[in-house]
Amino acid sequence: MNGSCLPAMEITDPRTVLDFQKTTFCGHVRSHVVKVLLQNIQLGHADYACYWALELLASGLTHTLWTAFFDAAALYVNRAAPNSITYLESMYEKYAPLEGAVPIQRMTELRNNPDVRALVCEVAATLAMCRKAKLPTLPGIKPTHDFDPVTIQESLKAPSTLYGKLVLRRDDPVAVAVPINEICYCLRQDVRDVTRTLYWMSWIYAYARELKKQTKQALLFANRSDEFISATHGNHVVWIFWECVRKQAGSVTRPYIDGLYRMYCLRWSPSDAKSRQSLLTAAVVLVCEGPNLDTTPVTGQTLAVSTVLNGIPGWIDAIIRMQKSFSSEGSK
């Protein structure tokens, strides 16, 4: 996959981003392209990660592309190279003005911008080359067992009920006071218990689901809207979790937690809560492992990344050829 001898190539295609909501430029299923991109970043295949990033770019699916990058950093890198988060945020800040200059319906125009091509490929390659660490998942909750008063009592670890006062507000539901107290205790620097934090987070999610099944109403919390999240969505359960995490972040982890929070909030709606859980979980992990984190800088300005980027013309050529092949087969 090396095409350094090829000139920069333009992609000409009359379709708009509206034509790529289910399938991508070459006719691949959109969700499959995202899955393959994530897999190649996880496996450290920088060249293939760049190829699939360019496939999404060629389709004008830039929001999908950056969401995948954020997800990859949380799922596969997290504590192994936490500066990947600050690197990723800085690269998005460079990219955002380029996207902002193009109307959403003409987002496919970005695919022929050489700076955008180089930028997204640098991000894909850099994430692929980072050291990796597996992110823990939320544990399953069985309401009949985990909501039983005896089980709850046996699961409590906090020696006091005062820890939750760090985040609890008057309009928060009383039913979650104990679980939130446990989360605040588990995130303390002298405790740092990832497993128990995720357990109680999952417990609250399950409680909210069960309540909605029974009452047909969502479990609402005090409004925690800020400069990144609107008042319309400020009552969602995730924001009290983020407040727990952000208030327990030490000086070392603060930049990483703030970066993850901004990534999580970007164009957020309630439907994103589940798909972006990896960012919140990564924040929990980083807060709990703060004193032991490897703070080695992460940069895309390396010889290894530069060598990978020589393949951009070849990948663009391969994408154009693939699209023509799919198009000719479809017309038969």
Protein backbone atom coordinates (compact mmCIF):
# COMPACT_ATOMS: atom_id res chain seq x y z
CA MET A 1 0.00 0.00 0.00
CA ASN A 2 2.71 2.48 -0.94
CA GLY A 3 1.95 5.00 -3.64
CA SER A 4 4.62 7.65 -3.06
CA CYS A 5 5.49 7.64 -6.78
CA LEU A 6 1.95 8.67 -7.73
CA PRO A 7 0.86 12.33 -8.05
CA ALA A 8 -1.88 13.76 -5.85
CA MET A 9 -5.19 12.66 -7.30
CA GLU A 10 -8.57 14.38 -7.20
CA ILE A 11 -11.75 12.45 -6.54
CA THR A 12 -14.54 13.56 -8.84
CA ASP A 13 -18.00 12.26 -8.05
CA PRO A 14 -21.41 14.00 -8.26
CA ARG A 15 -22.81 12.35 -5.14
CA THR A 16 -23.15 14.29 -1.88
CA VAL A 17 -22.79 13.25 1.75
CA LEU A 18 -26.54 12.50 1.76
CA ASP A 19 -25.83 9.58 -0.58
CA PHE A 20 -23.43 8.03 1.92
CA GLN A 21 -25.59 7.58 5.00
CA LYS A 22 -25.70 3.77 4.74
CA THR A 23 -22.87 2.94 2.37
CA THR A 24 -19.54 4.66 1.75
CA PHE A 25 -17.89 6.01 -1.40
CA CYS A 26 -16.86 2.56 -2.65
CA GLY A 27 -20.14 0.91 -1.68
CA HIS A 28 -19.07 -0.60 1.65
CA VAL A 29 -21.54 -0.71 4.53
CA ARG A 30 -20.80 2.38 6.61
CA SER A 31 -20.77 0.59 9.99
CA HIS A 32 -18.41 -2.05 8.57
CA VAL A 33 -15.90 0.61 7.47
CA VAL A 34 -15.91 2.10 10.97
CA LYS A 35 -15.42 -1.38 12.47
CA VAL A 36 -12.48 -2.16 10.18
CA LEU A 37 -10.88 1.23 10.86
CA LEU A 38 -11.08 0.61 14.60
CA GLN A 39 -9.69 -2.92 14.21
CA ASN A 40 -6.68 -1.70 12.25
CA ILE A 41 -5.91 1.01 14.80
CA GLN A 42 -6.18 -1.60 17.56
CA LEU A 43 -3.86 -4.00 15.72
CA GLY A 44 -1.33 -1.30 14.87
CA HIS A 45 -1.84 -1.52 11.10
CA ALA A 46 -1.15 2.14 10.34
CA ASP A 47 -1.34 1.86 6.54
CA TYR A 48 -4.71 0.11 6.52
CA ALA A 49 -6.03 2.51 9.18
CA CYS A 50 -5.11 5.39 6.84
CA TYR A 51 -6.82 3.71 3.90
CA TRP A 52 -10.13 3.29 5.74
CA ALA A 53 -9.91 6.80 7.18
CA LEU A 54 -9.62 8.10 3.61
CA GLU A 55 -12.62 5.97 2.57
CA LEU A 56 -14.74 7.78 5.18
CA LEU A 57 -13.26 11.12 4.14
CA ALA A 58 -14.07 10.39 0.48
CA SER A 59 -17.67 9.83 1.57
CA GLY A 60 -17.85 13.16 3.42
CA LEU A 61 -18.46 11.25 6.67
CA THR A 62 -16.11 13.43 8.68
CA HIS A 63 -18.15 13.37 11.89
CA THR A 64 -18.18 9.57 11.75
CA LEU A 65 -14.42 9.57 11.14
CA TRP A 66 -13.57 11.75 14.13
CA THR A 67 -15.98 9.87 16.37
CA ALA A 68 -14.10 6.69 15.40
CA PHE A 69 -10.76 8.34 16.25
CA PHE A 70 -12.06 9.42 19.67
CA ASP A 71 -13.46 5.95 20.28
CA ALA A 72 -10.18 4.29 19.26
CA ALA A 73 -8.13 6.42 21.64
CA ALA A 74 -10.47 5.52 24.51
CA LEU A 75 -10.95 1.83 23.70
CA TYR A 76 -7.44 0.79 22.72
CA VAL A 77 -4.93 3.39 23.94
CA ASN A 78 -6.28 5.09 27.11
CA ARG A 79 -3.83 4.59 30.02
CA ALA A 80 -1.02 3.17 27.82
CA ALA A 81 -0.45 6.56 26.18
CA PRO A 82 -2.77 9.17 27.72
CA ASN A 83 -1.13 11.99 25.79
CA SER A 84 -2.83 10.51 22.72
CA ILE A 85 -5.88 12.36 24.03
CA THR A 86 -4.23 15.79 24.09
CA TYR A 87 -2.64 15.02 20.70
CA LEU A 88 -6.02 14.02 19.25
CA GLU A 89 -7.70 17.12 20.61
CA SER A 90 -5.00 19.39 19.18
CA MET A 91 -5.36 17.74 15.76
CA TYR A 92 -9.13 18.18 15.85
CA GLU A 93 -8.63 21.86 16.66
CA LYS A 94 -6.47 22.16 13.52
CA TYR A 95 -9.07 20.31 11.47
CA ALA A 96 -12.24 22.05 12.72
CA PRO A 97 -11.71 25.39 10.88
CA LEU A 98 -11.19 23.49 7.60
CA GLU A 99 -14.51 21.70 8.08
CA GLY A 100 -16.21 24.87 9.27
CA ALA A 101 -15.44 26.57 5.96
CA VAL A 102 -17.49 23.99 4.04
CA PRO A 103 -21.32 23.69 4.19
CA ILE A 104 -22.49 20.34 5.57
CA GLN A 105 -24.12 19.32 2.27
CA ARG A 106 -20.76 19.84 0.51
CA MET A 107 -18.63 17.98 3.05
CA THR A 108 -17.31 15.67 0.33
CA GLU A 109 -15.20 18.61 -0.94
CA LEU A 110 -12.80 18.07 1.95
CA ARG A 111 -11.58 14.79 0.40
CA ASN A 112 -9.55 16.74 -2.19
CA ASN A 113 -7.95 19.06 0.36
CA PRO A 114 -4.33 17.84 0.73
CA ASP A 115 -4.07 19.27 4.24
CA VAL A 116 -7.16 17.37 5.36
CA ARG A 117 -5.93 14.14 3.77
CA ALA A 118 -2.56 14.45 5.50
CA LEU A 119 -4.12 15.41 8.82
CA VAL A 120 -6.58 12.50 9.07
CA CYS A 121 -3.95 10.01 7.90
CA GLU A 122 -1.48 11.35 10.46
CA VAL A 123 -4.06 10.84 13.21
CA ALA A 124 -4.93 7.33 12.01
CA ALA A 125 -1.26 6.31 11.79
CA THR A 126 -0.29 7.88 15.12
CA LEU A 127 -3.12 6.17 17.00
CA ALA A 128 -2.24 2.86 15.33
CA MET A 129 1.39 3.22 16.45
CA CYS A 130 0.56 4.08 20.07
CA ARG A 131 1.02 1.50 22.81
CA LYS A 132 -2.27 -0.21 23.58
CA ALA A 133 -4.26 -1.05 26.72
CA LYS A 134 -7.62 -2.80 26.88
CA LEU A 135 -10.44 -0.73 28.32
CA PRO A 136 -12.63 -2.43 30.94
CA THR A 137 -16.34 -2.75 30.21
CA LEU A 138 -19.35 -1.96 32.36
CA PRO A 139 -20.45 -5.03 34.35
CA GLY A 140 -23.88 -6.51 33.80
CA ILE A 141 -26.57 -5.77 36.38
CA LYS A 142 -29.35 -8.19 37.35
CA PRO A 143 -32.12 -6.10 38.92
CA THR A 144 -33.57 -8.97 40.99
CA HIS A 145 -30.17 -9.51 42.57
CA ASP A 146 -28.32 -6.18 42.48
CA PHE A 147 -31.30 -4.07 43.59
CA ASP A 148 -31.98 -6.30 46.58
CA PRO A 149 -31.37 -4.34 49.82
CA VAL A 150 -29.18 -7.13 51.21
CA THR A 151 -26.99 -7.13 48.09
CA ILE A 152 -26.72 -3.35 48.17
CA GLN A 153 -25.69 -3.37 51.82
CA GLU A 154 -23.06 -6.04 51.19
CA SER A 155 -21.68 -4.07 48.25
CA LEU A 156 -21.08 -0.83 50.16
CA LYS A 157 -17.42 0.07 50.76
CA ALA A 158 -17.50 3.76 51.65
CA PRO A 159 -16.93 4.30 55.39
CA SER A 160 -19.05 7.46 55.36
CA THR A 161 -22.08 8.89 53.54
CA LEU A 162 -20.37 12.27 53.10
CA TYR A 163 -18.35 11.57 49.95
CA GLY A 164 -21.34 12.10 47.65
CA LYS A 165 -21.73 15.68 48.85
CA LEU A 166 -18.92 16.51 46.46
CA VAL A 167 -21.39 16.33 43.55
CA LEU A 168 -24.95 15.72 44.78
CA ARG A 169 -27.40 18.59 44.31
CA ARG A 170 -30.87 19.26 45.64
CA ASP A 171 -32.64 18.19 42.44
CA ASP A 172 -30.80 14.86 42.08
CA PRO A 173 -32.99 11.78 42.75
CA VAL A 174 -32.69 10.49 46.31
CA ALA A 175 -32.54 6.89 45.06
CA VAL A 176 -29.04 7.38 43.62
CA ALA A 177 -27.49 9.10 46.65
CA VAL A 178 -25.91 5.89 47.96
CA PRO A 179 -24.47 4.72 44.59
CA ILE A 180 -23.10 8.21 43.89
CA ASN A 181 -21.51 8.25 47.34
CA GLU A 182 -19.82 4.95 46.47
CA ILE A 183 -18.57 6.30 43.12
CA CYS A 184 -17.09 9.39 44.75
CA TYR A 185 -15.39 7.23 47.36
CA CYS A 186 -13.99 4.76 44.78
CA LEU A 187 -12.52 7.59 42.67
CA ARG A 188 -10.55 9.05 45.60
CA GLN A 189 -6.78 9.04 45.14
CA ASP A 190 -6.36 6.88 48.24
CA VAL A 191 -8.83 4.28 46.92
CA ARG A 192 -8.69 4.30 43.08
CA ASP A 193 -11.06 1.39 42.50
CA VAL A 194 -11.98 1.19 38.80
CA THR A 195 -14.04 -2.00 39.14
CA ARG A 196 -16.31 -0.69 41.88
CA THR A 197 -16.72 2.69 40.17
CA LEU A 198 -17.91 1.00 36.98
CA TYR A 199 -20.18 -1.32 38.97
CA TRP A 200 -22.07 1.54 40.59
CA MET A 201 -22.19 3.46 37.32
CA SER A 202 -23.77 0.42 35.67
CA TRP A 203 -26.10 0.04 38.67
CA ILE A 204 -27.45 3.58 38.16
CA TYR A 205 -27.88 3.03 34.43
CA ALA A 206 -29.86 -0.15 35.15
CA TYR A 207 -31.95 1.58 37.81
CA ALA A 208 -32.83 4.35 35.34
CA ARG A 209 -33.84 1.77 32.71
CA GLU A 210 -36.04 -0.16 35.13
CA LEU A 211 -37.70 3.01 36.36
CA LYS A 212 -38.49 4.07 32.79
CA LYS A 213 -40.00 0.64 32.07
CA GLN A 214 -42.28 0.96 35.08
CA THR A 215 -43.20 4.65 34.97
CA LYS A 216 -42.57 5.55 31.28
CA GLN A 217 -40.56 8.51 32.55
CA ALA A 218 -36.83 9.18 32.45
CA LEU A 219 -34.84 9.52 35.66
CA LEU A 220 -33.97 13.21 35.73
CA PHE A 221 -31.07 14.78 37.58
CA ALA A 222 -30.18 18.34 38.52
CA ASN A 223 -29.32 20.28 35.39
CA ARG A 224 -25.56 20.26 34.83
CA SER A 225 -25.44 22.21 31.58
CA ASP A 226 -22.29 24.19 30.88
CA GLU A 227 -20.43 25.72 27.93
CA PHE A 228 -20.22 22.29 26.27
CA ILE A 229 -23.67 20.85 26.92
CA SER A 230 -27.04 22.54 26.45
CA ALA A 231 -29.64 23.04 29.15
CA THR A 232 -32.00 20.89 27.07
CA HIS A 233 -29.84 17.82 27.73
CA GLY A 234 -28.37 18.88 31.08
CA ASN A 235 -30.62 16.60 33.17
CA HIS A 236 -29.21 13.37 31.73
CA VAL A 237 -27.62 10.86 34.12
CA VAL A 238 -24.21 10.93 32.38
CA TRP A 239 -23.41 14.42 33.58
CA ILE A 240 -23.37 13.50 37.26
CA PHE A 241 -20.88 10.74 36.37
CA TRP A 242 -18.71 13.25 34.57
CA GLU A 243 -18.91 15.61 37.53
CA CYS A 244 -17.73 12.80 39.83
CA VAL A 245 -14.79 12.08 37.55
CA ARG A 246 -13.79 15.66 36.82
CA LYS A 247 -13.85 16.71 40.47
CA GLN A 248 -11.55 13.82 41.41
CA ALA A 249 -9.00 14.42 38.64
CA GLY A 250 -5.54 15.32 39.91
CA SER A 251 -3.11 17.75 38.30
CA VAL A 252 -1.54 15.03 36.14
CA THR A 253 -4.81 13.71 34.75
CA ARG A 254 -6.72 17.01 34.46
CA PRO A 255 -5.75 17.74 30.82
CA TYR A 256 -6.71 14.20 29.76
CA ILE A 257 -10.05 14.25 31.57
CA ASP A 258 -10.94 17.67 30.21
CA GLY A 259 -10.02 16.52 26.71
CA LEU A 260 -12.16 13.38 26.98
CA TYR A 261 -15.03 15.46 28.32
CA ARG A 262 -14.90 17.87 25.38
CA MET A 263 -14.76 14.94 22.93
CA TYR A 264 -17.73 13.34 24.68
CA CYS A 265 -19.78 16.56 24.54
CA LEU A 266 -19.14 17.28 20.85
CA ARG A 267 -22.53 17.42 19.12
CA TRP A 268 -23.93 15.30 21.96
CA SER A 269 -27.51 14.06 22.14
CA PRO A 270 -29.08 11.44 24.46
CA SER A 271 -28.75 8.81 21.73
CA ASP A 272 -24.95 9.14 22.02
CA ALA A 273 -24.80 8.13 25.69
CA LYS A 274 -24.25 4.43 25.00
CA SER A 275 -21.92 4.75 22.01
CA ARG A 276 -19.66 7.25 23.82
CA GLN A 277 -19.46 5.32 27.08
CA SER A 278 -15.87 4.35 26.19
CA LEU A 279 -14.79 7.98 26.69
CA LEU A 280 -16.37 8.11 30.14
CA THR A 281 -14.91 4.74 31.11
CA ALA A 282 -11.47 5.87 29.91
CA ALA A 283 -11.80 8.95 32.12
CA VAL A 284 -12.54 6.71 35.13
CA VAL A 285 -9.46 4.61 34.37
CA LEU A 286 -7.19 7.64 34.00
CA VAL A 287 -8.38 9.23 37.24
CA CYS A 288 -7.82 6.00 39.15
CA GLU A 289 -4.39 5.37 37.65
CA GLY A 290 -3.25 9.00 37.63
CA PRO A 291 -0.05 8.66 39.69
CA ASN A 292 1.15 5.70 37.59
CA LEU A 293 0.46 7.02 34.08
CA ASP A 294 3.08 7.16 31.36
CA THR A 295 3.12 10.83 30.34
CA THR A 296 5.45 10.40 27.34
CA PRO A 297 4.40 12.91 24.65
CA VAL A 298 2.48 11.61 21.63
CA THR A 299 3.18 13.24 18.29
CA GLY A 300 2.58 12.52 14.64
CA GLN A 301 5.80 14.32 13.66
CA THR A 302 7.94 11.17 13.52
CA LEU A 303 9.85 9.43 10.75
CA ALA A 304 7.64 6.35 11.09
CA VAL A 305 4.43 8.34 10.59
CA SER A 306 5.97 10.41 7.79
CA THR A 307 6.93 7.21 5.97
CA VAL A 308 3.37 5.89 6.26
CA LEU A 309 1.94 9.13 4.87
CA ASN A 310 3.90 8.62 1.63
CA GLY A 311 1.17 6.11 0.81
CA ILE A 312 -1.63 8.69 0.54
CA PRO A 313 -1.58 9.02 -3.30
CA GLY A 314 -1.65 5.24 -3.66
CA TRP A 315 -4.58 4.86 -1.27
CA ILE A 316 -6.56 7.56 -3.08
CA ASP A 317 -5.84 5.78 -6.36
CA ALA A 318 -6.95 2.45 -4.86
CA ILE A 319 -10.19 4.02 -3.56
CA ILE A 320 -10.97 5.52 -6.99
CA ARG A 321 -10.28 2.19 -8.68
CA MET A 322 -12.39 0.32 -6.12
CA GLN A 323 -15.32 2.71 -6.63
CA LYS A 324 -15.14 2.29 -10.40
CA SER A 325 -15.05 -1.48 -9.98
CA PHE A 326 -18.12 -1.44 -7.68
CA SER A 327 -19.90 0.96 -10.06
CA SER A 328 -19.25 -1.18 -13.15
CA GLU A 329 -20.38 -4.34 -11.37
CA GLY A 330 -23.57 -2.62 -10.23
CA SER A 331 -24.41 -1.50 -13.76
CA LYS A 332 -24.23 -5.01 -15.21
